[in-house]
Amino acid sequence: MASTTATAMVKANKEVKKVTLWERFKNYLIENVDIIAPGIIMMNGGTYFPKLK
């Protein structure tokens, strides 16, 4: 019984699509936009006024 469960788990893991490098990079940008956007604005000489939360 245990070997059947282990085999099913291995099969399920092989069927899971791996996240590509581009998708990981895109998710990183989306999650950290509050830090990245002001930095880009300031590096380009713009003025950044943070939103009050």
N, C-alpha and C. Protein backbone atom coordinates (compact mmCIF):
# COMPACT_ATOMS: atom_id res chain seq x y z
N MET A 1 0.82 -1.20 0.00
CA MET A 1 0.00 0.00 0.00
C MET A 1 0.86 1.26 0.00
N ALA A 2 1.92 1.24 0.78
CA ALA A 2 2.79 2.42 0.87
C ALA A 2 3.49 2.69 -0.45
N SER A 3 3.88 1.63 -1.14
CA SER A 3 4.58 1.83 -2.41
C SER A 3 3.62 2.41 -3.46
N THR A 4 2.35 2.04 -3.40
CA THR A 4 1.37 2.58 -4.33
C THR A 4 1.18 4.08 -4.10
N THR A 5 1.13 4.47 -2.85
CA THR A 5 0.99 5.88 -2.52
C THR A 5 2.22 6.67 -2.96
N ALA A 6 3.40 6.10 -2.72
CA ALA A 6 4.63 6.76 -3.12
C ALA A 6 4.70 6.90 -4.64
N THR A 7 4.28 5.86 -5.36
CA THR A 7 4.28 5.91 -6.81
C THR A 7 3.31 6.98 -7.32
N ALA A 8 2.15 7.08 -6.69
CA ALA A 8 1.17 8.09 -7.08
C ALA A 8 1.72 9.49 -6.83
N MET A 9 2.43 9.67 -5.73
CA MET A 9 2.99 10.99 -5.42
C MET A 9 4.08 11.37 -6.42
N VAL A 10 4.92 10.42 -6.80
CA VAL A 10 5.97 10.69 -7.77
C VAL A 10 5.35 11.05 -9.11
N LYS A 11 4.32 10.32 -9.51
CA LYS A 11 3.64 10.60 -10.77
C LYS A 11 3.00 11.99 -10.74
N ALA A 12 2.39 12.36 -9.63
CA ALA A 12 1.76 13.68 -9.51
C ALA A 12 2.82 14.78 -9.58
N ASN A 13 3.99 14.56 -8.98
CA ASN A 13 5.05 15.56 -9.02
C ASN A 13 5.58 15.75 -10.43
N LYS A 14 5.64 14.70 -11.22
CA LYS A 14 6.13 14.80 -12.59
C LYS A 14 5.14 15.56 -13.48
N GLU A 15 3.86 15.49 -13.15
CA GLU A 15 2.83 16.14 -13.96
C GLU A 15 2.72 17.63 -13.66
N VAL A 16 3.26 18.08 -12.53
CA VAL A 16 3.19 19.49 -12.16
C VAL A 16 4.14 20.27 -13.05
N LYS A 17 3.63 21.36 -13.65
CA LYS A 17 4.44 22.18 -14.53
C LYS A 17 5.40 23.02 -13.71
N LYS A 18 6.67 23.02 -14.10
CA LYS A 18 7.65 23.84 -13.40
C LYS A 18 7.48 25.29 -13.82
N VAL A 19 7.76 26.18 -12.88
CA VAL A 19 7.66 27.61 -13.15
C VAL A 19 8.92 28.02 -13.92
N THR A 20 8.71 28.73 -15.02
CA THR A 20 9.85 29.16 -15.83
C THR A 20 10.54 30.35 -15.18
N LEU A 21 11.74 30.63 -15.65
CA LEU A 21 12.50 31.75 -15.12
C LEU A 21 11.76 33.06 -15.36
N TRP A 22 11.16 33.21 -16.53
CA TRP A 22 10.41 34.44 -16.83
C TRP A 22 9.24 34.62 -15.88
N GLU A 23 8.51 33.53 -15.57
CA GLU A 23 7.37 33.62 -14.65
C GLU A 23 7.84 33.97 -13.25
N ARG A 24 8.98 33.41 -12.82
CA ARG A 24 9.51 33.75 -11.50
C ARG A 24 9.92 35.22 -11.45
N PHE A 25 10.55 35.72 -12.51
CA PHE A 25 10.96 37.12 -12.57
C PHE A 25 9.75 38.04 -12.55
N LYS A 26 8.72 37.68 -13.33
CA LYS A 26 7.50 38.48 -13.38
C LYS A 26 6.83 38.53 -12.00
N ASN A 27 6.76 37.40 -11.32
CA ASN A 27 6.16 37.37 -9.98
C ASN A 27 6.98 38.20 -9.00
N TYR A 28 8.32 38.18 -9.14
CA TYR A 28 9.18 39.00 -8.28
C TYR A 28 8.88 40.48 -8.48
N LEU A 29 8.76 40.91 -9.73
CA LEU A 29 8.46 42.32 -10.00
C LEU A 29 7.10 42.72 -9.44
N ILE A 30 6.11 41.87 -9.62
CA ILE A 30 4.76 42.17 -9.13
C ILE A 30 4.74 42.28 -7.61
N GLU A 31 5.45 41.37 -6.92
CA GLU A 31 5.45 41.37 -5.47
C GLU A 31 6.25 42.53 -4.88
N ASN A 32 7.23 43.04 -5.62
CA ASN A 32 8.12 44.08 -5.08
C ASN A 32 7.98 45.42 -5.79
N VAL A 33 6.86 45.66 -6.43
CA VAL A 33 6.67 46.90 -7.18
C VAL A 33 6.72 48.13 -6.28
N ASP A 34 6.35 48.00 -5.02
CA ASP A 34 6.38 49.14 -4.09
C ASP A 34 7.81 49.62 -3.83
N ILE A 35 8.78 48.76 -4.00
CA ILE A 35 10.17 49.13 -3.78
C ILE A 35 10.86 49.48 -5.10
N ILE A 36 10.56 48.74 -6.14
CA ILE A 36 11.26 48.88 -7.42
C ILE A 36 10.86 50.17 -8.15
N ALA A 37 9.58 50.46 -8.22
CA ALA A 37 9.10 51.62 -8.98
C ALA A 37 9.69 52.94 -8.46
N PRO A 38 9.66 53.21 -7.15
CA PRO A 38 10.26 54.47 -6.68
C PRO A 38 11.76 54.55 -6.98
N GLY A 39 12.45 53.42 -6.89
CA GLY A 39 13.88 53.40 -7.19
C GLY A 39 14.15 53.78 -8.63
N ILE A 40 13.36 53.24 -9.56
CA ILE A 40 13.53 53.57 -10.97
C ILE A 40 13.23 55.04 -11.22
N ILE A 41 12.18 55.55 -10.60
CA ILE A 41 11.82 56.96 -10.77
C ILE A 41 12.95 57.86 -10.27
N MET A 42 13.49 57.55 -9.11
CA MET A 42 14.56 58.38 -8.55
C MET A 42 15.84 58.28 -9.37
N MET A 43 16.15 57.11 -9.90
CA MET A 43 17.36 56.96 -10.73
C MET A 43 17.24 57.75 -12.02
N ASN A 44 16.02 57.96 -12.51
CA ASN A 44 15.82 58.71 -13.74
C ASN A 44 15.67 60.21 -13.49
N GLY A 45 15.82 60.63 -12.25
CA GLY A 45 15.78 62.05 -11.95
C GLY A 45 14.40 62.59 -11.65
N GLY A 46 13.43 61.72 -11.53
CA GLY A 46 12.08 62.16 -11.24
C GLY A 46 11.87 62.36 -9.75
N THR A 47 10.73 62.88 -9.42
CA THR A 47 10.36 63.06 -8.03
C THR A 47 9.29 62.03 -7.68
N TYR A 48 9.46 61.41 -6.55
CA TYR A 48 8.53 60.38 -6.11
C TYR A 48 7.89 60.80 -4.79
N PHE A 49 6.58 60.82 -4.77
CA PHE A 49 5.83 61.10 -3.56
C PHE A 49 5.14 59.82 -3.13
N PRO A 50 5.58 59.20 -2.04
CA PRO A 50 4.97 57.93 -1.63
C PRO A 50 3.52 58.11 -1.21
N LYS A 51 2.73 57.09 -1.51
CA LYS A 51 1.32 57.10 -1.12
C LYS A 51 1.20 56.87 0.37
N LEU A 52 0.28 57.55 1.00
CA LEU A 52 0.01 57.31 2.41
C LEU A 52 -0.89 56.11 2.52
N LYS A 53 -0.52 55.17 3.36
CA LYS A 53 -1.32 53.95 3.50
C LYS A 53 -2.12 53.97 4.75
